Amino acid sequence: MKATIEIEATPQEMREFLGLPDVQAIQREAIVKIRNKMLVGIESSDMVELMKLYMPMPEQMLAMEGVQKTMWDAMMKTVELSTSTDKGKS
């Protein structure tokens, strides 16, 4: 059995019907803040300020380097263990 129901309503009416919160004011506020931040970056002729919008912060880069070093060290220990085990078998 197949049943089809058609509801003619706007997105706002459906959100109200389903009891979802009205977040339009918060969305407008967020868009204004994002827009202002982008315009400030665009108006700036300083390349460093422009790159800050698109590049991670130095602290984040240091954290990533730490993760990479940890992974590299773990991989090298595995390689050392496997080569020492292989030498013992010969």
Foldseek 3Di string as FASTA:
>chain_A
DDDDDDDDDDPVVVCVVVVHDDCPVVVVVVVVVVVVQVVVLVPDPDVVSVVPVPDDDPVVVVVVVVVVVVVVVVVVVVVVVVVVVVVVVD
